[in-house]
């Protein structure tokens, strides 16, 4: 009996915990995460994907300049000899000059490799942006629910929910 009285006395002496304040803080943290995603990370990924698309347009000119530089420095000469030897072996009488075949093989090899890399990167960055937008929408919805729990009489929480639903395309 005495233990119960002491326990009851301790529980009434403890400071009151404001659950609503904790929930509001959690909602504010979610909103800060949303701001970070939409203010920085998502636009960054979209920008990187757009940069890859721009590079896909500019790449042919840059590859030509790189090949010219490799020819001038002698680096291409080493690869040239190996490619020419392979082209001579594969050439049949009456076909195109093996030298031209070797050059075209080298250029195509460089171009395909670079384009594959750019396409992979652009797709990855676009997928990251879509995934992050989904995370931001989920965080917004969670923040709105938390605000509603913290202050059920608040119309701001209802407005935030409507805004989130409008972005997500779901009925309010």
N, C-alpha and C. Protein backbone atom coordinates (compact mmCIF):
# COMPACT_ATOMS: atom_id res chain seq x y z
N UNK A 1 0.82 -1.19 0.00
CA UNK A 1 0.00 0.00 0.00
C UNK A 1 0.87 1.25 0.00
N UNK A 2 1.91 1.22 0.82
CA UNK A 2 2.79 2.36 0.92
C UNK A 2 3.51 2.60 -0.41
N UNK A 3 3.89 1.51 -1.08
CA UNK A 3 4.56 1.64 -2.38
C UNK A 3 3.65 2.31 -3.40
N UNK A 4 2.39 1.98 -3.38
CA UNK A 4 1.45 2.59 -4.32
C UNK A 4 1.33 4.09 -4.06
N UNK A 5 1.28 4.46 -2.79
CA UNK A 5 1.17 5.88 -2.45
C UNK A 5 2.41 6.64 -2.88
N UNK A 6 3.60 6.02 -2.69
CA UNK A 6 4.84 6.68 -3.11
C UNK A 6 4.88 6.81 -4.64
N UNK A 7 4.46 5.76 -5.32
CA UNK A 7 4.42 5.79 -6.78
C UNK A 7 3.45 6.86 -7.27
N UNK A 8 2.29 6.96 -6.65
CA UNK A 8 1.31 7.98 -7.02
C UNK A 8 1.86 9.36 -6.75
N UNK A 9 2.55 9.53 -5.65
CA UNK A 9 3.12 10.84 -5.31
C UNK A 9 4.21 11.21 -6.32
N UNK A 10 5.04 10.24 -6.70
CA UNK A 10 6.09 10.53 -7.69
C UNK A 10 5.50 10.89 -9.04
N UNK A 11 4.45 10.20 -9.45
CA UNK A 11 3.88 10.47 -10.76
C UNK A 11 3.20 11.83 -10.80
N UNK A 12 2.68 12.31 -9.70
CA UNK A 12 2.07 13.64 -9.71
C UNK A 12 3.12 14.72 -9.58
N UNK A 13 4.31 14.37 -9.04
CA UNK A 13 5.39 15.35 -8.92
C UNK A 13 6.15 15.54 -10.23
N UNK A 14 6.06 14.58 -11.13
CA UNK A 14 6.78 14.66 -12.40
C UNK A 14 6.21 15.79 -13.24
N UNK A 15 7.09 16.49 -13.97
CA UNK A 15 6.60 17.58 -14.81
C UNK A 15 5.71 17.04 -15.92
N UNK A 16 4.75 17.82 -16.29
CA UNK A 16 3.83 17.43 -17.35
C UNK A 16 4.55 17.46 -18.69
N UNK A 17 4.36 16.41 -19.45
CA UNK A 17 4.99 16.31 -20.76
C UNK A 17 4.00 16.84 -21.79
N UNK A 18 4.48 17.78 -22.60
CA UNK A 18 3.63 18.33 -23.65
C UNK A 18 3.84 17.51 -24.92
N UNK A 19 2.98 16.53 -25.11
CA UNK A 19 3.09 15.65 -26.27
C UNK A 19 2.88 16.45 -27.55
N UNK A 20 2.00 17.41 -27.48
CA UNK A 20 1.73 18.22 -28.67
C UNK A 20 2.98 18.95 -29.16
N UNK A 21 3.79 19.43 -28.24
CA UNK A 21 5.02 20.14 -28.63
C UNK A 21 6.00 19.19 -29.31
N UNK A 22 6.12 17.98 -28.77
CA UNK A 22 7.00 16.99 -29.39
C UNK A 22 6.54 16.62 -30.79
N UNK A 23 5.25 16.48 -30.95
CA UNK A 23 4.71 16.14 -32.27
C UNK A 23 4.92 17.30 -33.23
N UNK A 24 4.74 18.53 -32.74
CA UNK A 24 4.98 19.70 -33.60
C UNK A 24 6.45 19.77 -34.03
N UNK A 25 7.36 19.44 -33.13
CA UNK A 25 8.79 19.44 -33.49
C UNK A 25 9.07 18.39 -34.56
N UNK A 26 8.49 17.22 -34.39
CA UNK A 26 8.67 16.17 -35.39
C UNK A 26 8.12 16.61 -36.75
N UNK A 27 6.97 17.26 -36.73
CA UNK A 27 6.40 17.77 -37.99
C UNK A 27 7.33 18.82 -38.60
N UNK A 28 7.90 19.68 -37.76
CA UNK A 28 8.82 20.71 -38.27
C UNK A 28 10.07 20.06 -38.87
N UNK A 29 10.56 18.99 -38.25
CA UNK A 29 11.72 18.28 -38.81
C UNK A 29 11.38 17.70 -40.18
N UNK A 30 10.19 17.12 -40.31
CA UNK A 30 9.78 16.58 -41.61
C UNK A 30 9.69 17.69 -42.65
N UNK A 31 9.16 18.83 -42.25
CA UNK A 31 9.05 19.94 -43.19
C UNK A 31 10.43 20.45 -43.60
N UNK A 32 11.38 20.43 -42.67
CA UNK A 32 12.75 20.83 -43.02
C UNK A 32 13.37 19.84 -44.00
N UNK A 33 13.10 18.56 -43.81
CA UNK A 33 13.59 17.55 -44.76
C UNK A 33 13.00 17.76 -46.15
N UNK A 34 11.71 18.08 -46.19
CA UNK A 34 11.04 18.35 -47.47
C UNK A 34 11.70 19.55 -48.15
N UNK A 35 11.94 20.59 -47.37
CA UNK A 35 12.57 21.79 -47.94
C UNK A 35 13.95 21.46 -48.50
N UNK A 36 14.69 20.62 -47.78
CA UNK A 36 16.01 20.23 -48.27
C UNK A 36 15.94 19.43 -49.56
N UNK A 37 14.98 18.53 -49.62
CA UNK A 37 14.82 17.73 -50.84
C UNK A 37 14.41 18.59 -52.02
N UNK A 38 13.36 19.38 -51.81
CA UNK A 38 12.84 20.18 -52.93
C UNK A 38 13.69 21.40 -53.22
N UNK A 39 14.41 21.89 -52.23
CA UNK A 39 15.22 23.09 -52.43
C UNK A 39 16.60 22.81 -52.97
N UNK A 40 17.07 21.58 -52.84
CA UNK A 40 18.43 21.31 -53.26
C UNK A 40 18.63 20.01 -53.98
N UNK A 41 18.30 18.91 -53.33
CA UNK A 41 18.66 17.62 -53.87
C UNK A 41 17.90 17.26 -55.14
N UNK A 42 16.61 17.50 -55.18
CA UNK A 42 15.82 17.16 -56.38
C UNK A 42 16.24 18.03 -57.56
N UNK A 43 16.33 19.36 -57.39
CA UNK A 43 16.79 20.17 -58.53
C UNK A 43 18.20 19.79 -58.99
N UNK A 44 19.05 19.39 -58.06
CA UNK A 44 20.39 18.99 -58.43
C UNK A 44 20.35 17.76 -59.35
N UNK A 45 19.55 16.77 -59.00
CA UNK A 45 19.46 15.56 -59.83
C UNK A 45 18.86 15.88 -61.19
N UNK A 46 17.85 16.73 -61.21
CA UNK A 46 17.25 17.12 -62.49
C UNK A 46 18.27 17.86 -63.35
N UNK A 47 19.06 18.71 -62.73
CA UNK A 47 20.10 19.44 -63.45
C UNK A 47 21.17 18.51 -64.01
N UNK A 48 21.55 17.50 -63.23
CA UNK A 48 22.55 16.56 -63.72
C UNK A 48 22.02 15.74 -64.89
N UNK A 49 20.75 15.35 -64.82
CA UNK A 49 20.16 14.61 -65.94
C UNK A 49 20.10 15.49 -67.19
N UNK A 50 19.76 16.76 -67.02
CA UNK A 50 19.73 17.69 -68.17
C UNK A 50 21.14 17.90 -68.73
N UNK A 51 22.12 17.95 -67.84
CA UNK A 51 23.50 18.11 -68.30
C UNK A 51 23.93 16.92 -69.14
N UNK A 52 23.51 15.73 -68.75
CA UNK A 52 23.83 14.55 -69.55
C UNK A 52 23.20 14.63 -70.93
N UNK A 53 21.98 15.11 -70.98
CA UNK A 53 21.33 15.25 -72.29
C UNK A 53 22.06 16.26 -73.16
N UNK A 54 22.53 17.34 -72.54
CA UNK A 54 23.30 18.34 -73.29
C UNK A 54 24.60 17.73 -73.79
N UNK A 55 25.25 16.96 -72.93
CA UNK A 55 26.48 16.31 -73.35
C UNK A 55 26.27 15.35 -74.51
N UNK A 56 25.12 14.70 -74.53
CA UNK A 56 24.83 13.79 -75.64
C UNK A 56 24.81 14.54 -76.96
N UNK A 57 24.42 15.79 -76.93
CA UNK A 57 24.40 16.60 -78.14
C UNK A 57 25.82 17.07 -78.48
N UNK A 58 26.57 17.49 -77.46
CA UNK A 58 27.90 18.06 -77.68
C UNK A 58 29.00 17.01 -77.83
N UNK A 59 28.71 15.80 -77.45
CA UNK A 59 29.73 14.76 -77.41
C UNK A 59 30.43 14.51 -78.74
N UNK A 60 29.72 14.44 -79.85
CA UNK A 60 30.43 14.17 -81.12
C UNK A 60 31.55 15.18 -81.41
N UNK A 61 31.30 16.45 -81.17
CA UNK A 61 32.35 17.46 -81.40
C UNK A 61 33.54 17.24 -80.46
N UNK A 62 33.23 16.96 -79.22
CA UNK A 62 34.30 16.75 -78.24
C UNK A 62 35.12 15.51 -78.55
N UNK A 63 34.46 14.46 -79.01
CA UNK A 63 35.19 13.26 -79.37
C UNK A 63 36.13 13.52 -80.54
N UNK A 64 35.67 14.27 -81.50
CA UNK A 64 36.54 14.60 -82.64
C UNK A 64 37.77 15.38 -82.17
N UNK A 65 37.56 16.32 -81.26
CA UNK A 65 38.69 17.09 -80.73
C UNK A 65 39.64 16.19 -79.95
N UNK A 66 39.10 15.24 -79.20
CA UNK A 66 39.95 14.31 -78.44
C UNK A 66 40.76 13.42 -79.36
N UNK A 67 40.14 12.95 -80.43
CA UNK A 67 40.86 12.12 -81.38
C UNK A 67 41.99 12.93 -82.02
N UNK A 68 41.71 14.18 -82.38
CA UNK A 68 42.76 15.03 -82.96
C UNK A 68 43.92 15.21 -81.98
N UNK A 69 43.61 15.42 -80.72
CA UNK A 69 44.65 15.58 -79.70
C UNK A 69 45.45 14.29 -79.53
N UNK A 70 44.76 13.14 -79.56
CA UNK A 70 45.45 11.86 -79.44
C UNK A 70 46.37 11.61 -80.63
N UNK A 71 45.95 12.04 -81.82
CA UNK A 71 46.79 11.88 -83.01
C UNK A 71 48.04 12.75 -82.86
N UNK A 72 47.86 13.98 -82.42
CA UNK A 72 48.98 14.90 -82.28
C UNK A 72 49.97 14.43 -81.22
N UNK A 73 49.48 13.83 -80.15
CA UNK A 73 50.37 13.41 -79.06
C UNK A 73 51.02 12.06 -79.31
N UNK A 74 50.50 11.30 -80.25
CA UNK A 74 51.06 9.99 -80.53
C UNK A 74 50.38 8.86 -79.77
N UNK A 75 49.47 9.19 -78.86
CA UNK A 75 48.77 8.16 -78.10
C UNK A 75 47.89 7.31 -79.00
N UNK A 76 47.32 7.94 -80.01
CA UNK A 76 46.45 7.21 -80.92
C UNK A 76 47.26 6.29 -81.83
N UNK A 77 48.53 6.63 -82.07
CA UNK A 77 49.36 5.82 -82.97
C UNK A 77 49.49 4.39 -82.46
N UNK A 78 49.62 4.25 -81.16
CA UNK A 78 49.75 2.91 -80.60
C UNK A 78 48.47 2.11 -80.80
N UNK A 79 47.35 2.71 -80.51
CA UNK A 79 46.07 2.02 -80.71
C UNK A 79 45.81 1.82 -82.20
N UNK A 80 46.28 2.76 -83.01
CA UNK A 80 46.09 2.69 -84.45
C UNK A 80 46.74 1.43 -85.02
N UNK A 81 47.95 1.16 -84.61
CA UNK A 81 48.67 0.01 -85.15
C UNK A 81 47.93 -1.28 -84.82
N UNK A 82 47.43 -1.38 -83.60
CA UNK A 82 46.69 -2.59 -83.21
C UNK A 82 45.40 -2.71 -84.00
N UNK A 83 44.68 -1.61 -84.14
CA UNK A 83 43.41 -1.63 -84.88
C UNK A 83 43.64 -1.89 -86.36
N UNK A 84 44.70 -1.32 -86.92
CA UNK A 84 45.00 -1.52 -88.35
C UNK A 84 45.35 -2.98 -88.63
N UNK A 85 46.12 -3.55 -87.74
CA UNK A 85 46.48 -4.96 -87.92
C UNK A 85 45.23 -5.83 -87.89
N UNK A 86 44.31 -5.52 -86.99
CA UNK A 86 43.07 -6.29 -86.92
C UNK A 86 42.21 -6.06 -88.16
N UNK A 87 42.18 -4.84 -88.68
CA UNK A 87 41.37 -4.52 -89.86
C UNK A 87 41.94 -5.19 -91.11
N UNK A 88 43.26 -5.26 -91.23
CA UNK A 88 43.89 -5.89 -92.40
C UNK A 88 43.53 -7.37 -92.43
N UNK A 89 43.54 -7.99 -91.28
CA UNK A 89 43.21 -9.42 -91.22
C UNK A 89 41.76 -9.66 -91.63
N UNK A 90 40.86 -8.73 -91.27
CA UNK A 90 39.44 -8.92 -91.55
C UNK A 90 39.03 -8.47 -92.94
N UNK A 91 39.88 -7.72 -93.63
CA UNK A 91 39.50 -7.15 -94.93
C UNK A 91 39.57 -8.20 -96.04
N UNK A 92 38.58 -8.17 -96.91
CA UNK A 92 38.55 -9.04 -98.09
C UNK A 92 38.88 -8.20 -99.32
N UNK A 93 39.34 -8.83 -100.40
CA UNK A 93 39.66 -8.05 -101.61
C UNK A 93 38.44 -7.27 -102.12
N UNK A 94 38.68 -6.03 -102.53
CA UNK A 94 37.62 -5.18 -103.06
C UNK A 94 36.84 -4.43 -102.01
N UNK A 95 37.20 -4.60 -100.76
CA UNK A 95 36.51 -3.87 -99.69
C UNK A 95 37.15 -2.51 -99.47
N UNK A 96 36.59 -1.76 -98.56
CA UNK A 96 37.08 -0.43 -98.21
C UNK A 96 38.48 -0.55 -97.62
N UNK A 97 39.26 0.50 -97.78
CA UNK A 97 40.63 0.55 -97.25
C UNK A 97 40.65 0.17 -95.77
N UNK A 98 41.51 -0.76 -95.41
CA UNK A 98 41.59 -1.19 -94.01
C UNK A 98 41.88 -0.04 -93.04
N UNK A 99 42.60 0.95 -93.50
CA UNK A 99 42.89 2.11 -92.64
C UNK A 99 41.62 2.86 -92.26
N UNK A 100 40.73 3.04 -93.22
CA UNK A 100 39.48 3.72 -92.93
C UNK A 100 38.59 2.89 -92.01
N UNK A 101 38.63 1.58 -92.22
CA UNK A 101 37.86 0.70 -91.35
C UNK A 101 38.38 0.81 -89.92
N UNK A 102 39.68 0.83 -89.76
CA UNK A 102 40.27 0.92 -88.42
C UNK A 102 39.90 2.23 -87.74
N UNK A 103 39.94 3.31 -88.48
CA UNK A 103 39.57 4.62 -87.91
C UNK A 103 38.11 4.60 -87.49
N UNK A 104 37.26 4.10 -88.34
CA UNK A 104 35.83 4.09 -88.00
C UNK A 104 35.56 3.21 -86.79
N UNK A 105 36.29 2.10 -86.68
CA UNK A 105 36.11 1.23 -85.51
C UNK A 105 36.49 1.97 -84.24
N UNK A 106 37.61 2.65 -84.25
CA UNK A 106 38.05 3.40 -83.06
C UNK A 106 37.05 4.49 -82.68
N UNK A 107 36.61 5.25 -83.67
CA UNK A 107 35.68 6.34 -83.37
C UNK A 107 34.35 5.81 -82.85
N UNK A 108 33.87 4.76 -83.48
CA UNK A 108 32.60 4.18 -83.02
C UNK A 108 32.74 3.62 -81.60
N UNK A 109 33.85 3.00 -81.33
CA UNK A 109 34.09 2.45 -80.00
C UNK A 109 34.06 3.55 -78.94
N UNK A 110 34.75 4.64 -79.21
CA UNK A 110 34.75 5.76 -78.26
C UNK A 110 33.35 6.35 -78.09
N UNK A 111 32.68 6.56 -79.19
CA UNK A 111 31.34 7.16 -79.13
C UNK A 111 30.33 6.30 -78.39
N UNK A 112 30.32 5.02 -78.69
CA UNK A 112 29.37 4.12 -78.01
C UNK A 112 29.63 4.05 -76.51
N UNK A 113 30.87 3.96 -76.14
CA UNK A 113 31.20 3.88 -74.71
C UNK A 113 30.76 5.13 -73.97
N UNK A 114 31.04 6.29 -74.53
CA UNK A 114 30.67 7.54 -73.87
C UNK A 114 29.15 7.71 -73.82
N UNK A 115 28.48 7.37 -74.90
CA UNK A 115 27.03 7.52 -74.92
C UNK A 115 26.36 6.59 -73.92
N UNK A 116 26.83 5.35 -73.84
CA UNK A 116 26.26 4.41 -72.85
C UNK A 116 26.42 4.95 -71.44
N UNK A 117 27.58 5.50 -71.17
CA UNK A 117 27.82 6.06 -69.84
C UNK A 117 26.88 7.22 -69.55
N UNK A 118 26.74 8.12 -70.49
CA UNK A 118 25.87 9.28 -70.29
C UNK A 118 24.41 8.87 -70.13
N UNK A 119 23.98 7.92 -70.91
CA UNK A 119 22.58 7.46 -70.82
C UNK A 119 22.33 6.83 -69.46
N UNK A 120 23.26 6.00 -69.00
CA UNK A 120 23.10 5.39 -67.67
C UNK A 120 23.03 6.44 -66.57
N UNK A 121 23.91 7.41 -66.65
CA UNK A 121 23.94 8.45 -65.61
C UNK A 121 22.67 9.31 -65.64
N UNK A 122 22.22 9.67 -66.83
CA UNK A 122 21.00 10.50 -66.93
C UNK A 122 19.80 9.75 -66.38
N UNK A 123 19.67 8.48 -66.70
CA UNK A 123 18.55 7.69 -66.18
C UNK A 123 18.63 7.57 -64.67
N UNK A 124 19.82 7.36 -64.15
CA UNK A 124 20.00 7.24 -62.71
C UNK A 124 19.63 8.52 -61.97
N UNK A 125 20.06 9.65 -62.50
CA UNK A 125 19.75 10.92 -61.85
C UNK A 125 18.27 11.26 -61.94
N UNK A 126 17.66 10.95 -63.06
CA UNK A 126 16.21 11.19 -63.18
C UNK A 126 15.44 10.29 -62.21
N UNK A 127 15.86 9.03 -62.10
CA UNK A 127 15.20 8.13 -61.15
C UNK A 127 15.37 8.60 -59.71
N UNK A 128 16.56 9.11 -59.39
CA UNK A 128 16.79 9.66 -58.05
C UNK A 128 15.84 10.83 -57.77
N UNK A 129 15.67 11.69 -58.76
CA UNK A 129 14.79 12.85 -58.58
C UNK A 129 13.35 12.41 -58.33
N UNK A 130 12.87 11.43 -59.09
CA UNK A 130 11.51 10.93 -58.89
C UNK A 130 11.35 10.28 -57.51
N UNK A 131 12.35 9.50 -57.11
CA UNK A 131 12.30 8.84 -55.81
C UNK A 131 12.28 9.88 -54.69
N UNK A 132 13.11 10.90 -54.82
CA UNK A 132 13.17 11.94 -53.80
C UNK A 132 11.87 12.73 -53.73
N UNK A 133 11.24 12.95 -54.86
CA UNK A 133 9.95 13.64 -54.86
C UNK A 133 8.91 12.82 -54.12
N UNK A 134 8.94 11.51 -54.31
CA UNK A 134 8.04 10.64 -53.57
C UNK A 134 8.30 10.71 -52.07
N UNK A 135 9.57 10.74 -51.68
CA UNK A 135 9.92 10.88 -50.27
C UNK A 135 9.42 12.22 -49.72
N UNK A 136 9.59 13.27 -50.49
CA UNK A 136 9.15 14.59 -50.05
C UNK A 136 7.63 14.63 -49.86
N UNK A 137 6.90 14.03 -50.78
CA UNK A 137 5.45 13.99 -50.64
C UNK A 137 5.03 13.20 -49.41
N UNK A 138 5.70 12.08 -49.16
CA UNK A 138 5.37 11.27 -47.98
C UNK A 138 5.69 12.03 -46.70
N UNK A 139 6.80 12.74 -46.69
CA UNK A 139 7.16 13.53 -45.51
C UNK A 139 6.16 14.67 -45.28
N UNK A 140 5.72 15.29 -46.35
CA UNK A 140 4.71 16.35 -46.22
C UNK A 140 3.42 15.80 -45.63
N UNK A 141 2.99 14.67 -46.13
CA UNK A 141 1.75 14.07 -45.62
C UNK A 141 1.90 13.69 -44.15
N UNK A 142 3.05 13.16 -43.80
CA UNK A 142 3.29 12.80 -42.40
C UNK A 142 3.32 14.04 -41.52
N UNK A 143 3.95 15.10 -41.98
CA UNK A 143 4.00 16.34 -41.21
C UNK A 143 2.59 16.89 -41.00
N UNK A 144 1.76 16.82 -42.03
CA UNK A 144 0.39 17.31 -41.90
C UNK A 144 -0.39 16.48 -40.88
N UNK A 145 -0.21 15.16 -40.94
CA UNK A 145 -0.89 14.31 -39.95
C UNK A 145 -0.41 14.61 -38.54
N UNK A 146 0.90 14.81 -38.39
CA UNK A 146 1.44 15.12 -37.06
C UNK A 146 0.90 16.45 -36.54
N UNK A 147 0.81 17.43 -37.41
CA UNK A 147 0.27 18.73 -36.98
C UNK A 147 -1.19 18.59 -36.57
N UNK A 148 -1.92 17.76 -37.30
CA UNK A 148 -3.32 17.53 -36.95
C UNK A 148 -3.44 16.86 -35.58
N UNK A 149 -2.54 15.92 -35.30
CA UNK A 149 -2.55 15.23 -34.01
C UNK A 149 -2.17 16.20 -32.89
N UNK A 150 -1.18 17.05 -33.16
CA UNK A 150 -0.71 17.98 -32.14
C UNK A 150 -1.75 19.04 -31.83
N UNK A 151 -2.47 19.47 -32.82
CA UNK A 151 -3.46 20.53 -32.62
C UNK A 151 -4.67 20.24 -33.51
N UNK A 152 -5.59 19.42 -33.03
CA UNK A 152 -6.73 19.01 -33.86
C UNK A 152 -7.61 20.18 -34.32
N UNK A 153 -7.57 21.29 -33.60
CA UNK A 153 -8.43 22.41 -33.98
C UNK A 153 -7.80 23.30 -35.04
N UNK A 154 -6.57 23.00 -35.39
CA UNK A 154 -5.84 23.86 -36.33
C UNK A 154 -6.35 23.66 -37.75
N UNK A 155 -6.61 24.74 -38.41
CA UNK A 155 -6.99 24.66 -39.82
C UNK A 155 -5.76 24.66 -40.70
N UNK A 156 -4.61 25.05 -40.14
CA UNK A 156 -3.38 25.04 -40.92
C UNK A 156 -3.01 23.61 -41.30
N UNK A 157 -3.25 22.68 -40.39
CA UNK A 157 -2.95 21.28 -40.71
C UNK A 157 -3.85 20.79 -41.82
N UNK A 158 -5.13 21.18 -41.78
CA UNK A 158 -6.04 20.79 -42.84
C UNK A 158 -5.61 21.39 -44.18
N UNK A 159 -5.16 22.63 -44.15
CA UNK A 159 -4.70 23.28 -45.38
C UNK A 159 -3.45 22.59 -45.91
N UNK A 160 -2.52 22.21 -45.02
CA UNK A 160 -1.31 21.51 -45.45
C UNK A 160 -1.66 20.17 -46.07
N UNK A 161 -2.65 19.48 -45.50
CA UNK A 161 -3.08 18.19 -46.05
C UNK A 161 -3.67 18.38 -47.44
N UNK A 162 -4.48 19.42 -47.60
CA UNK A 162 -5.05 19.67 -48.93
C UNK A 162 -3.96 19.97 -49.94
N UNK A 163 -2.95 20.75 -49.55
CA UNK A 163 -1.87 21.09 -50.46
C UNK A 163 -1.09 19.83 -50.83
N UNK A 164 -0.80 18.99 -49.86
CA UNK A 164 -0.09 17.75 -50.12
C UNK A 164 -0.90 16.86 -51.06
N UNK A 165 -2.19 16.73 -50.78
CA UNK A 165 -3.03 15.89 -51.62
C UNK A 165 -3.13 16.45 -53.04
N UNK A 166 -3.16 17.77 -53.16
CA UNK A 166 -3.21 18.37 -54.49
C UNK A 166 -1.96 18.03 -55.27
N UNK A 167 -0.79 18.08 -54.61
CA UNK A 167 0.46 17.73 -55.29
C UNK A 167 0.49 16.26 -55.67
N UNK A 168 -0.01 15.42 -54.77
CA UNK A 168 0.03 13.98 -55.02
C UNK A 168 -1.09 13.55 -55.97
N UNK A 169 -2.08 14.41 -56.19
CA UNK A 169 -3.17 14.08 -57.08
C UNK A 169 -4.23 13.21 -56.44
N UNK A 170 -4.27 13.18 -55.11
CA UNK A 170 -5.28 12.37 -54.43
C UNK A 170 -6.41 13.27 -53.94
N UNK A 171 -7.59 12.74 -53.83
CA UNK A 171 -8.71 13.56 -53.36
C UNK A 171 -8.52 13.94 -51.90
N UNK A 172 -8.96 15.15 -51.55
CA UNK A 172 -8.76 15.72 -50.23
C UNK A 172 -9.63 15.13 -49.21
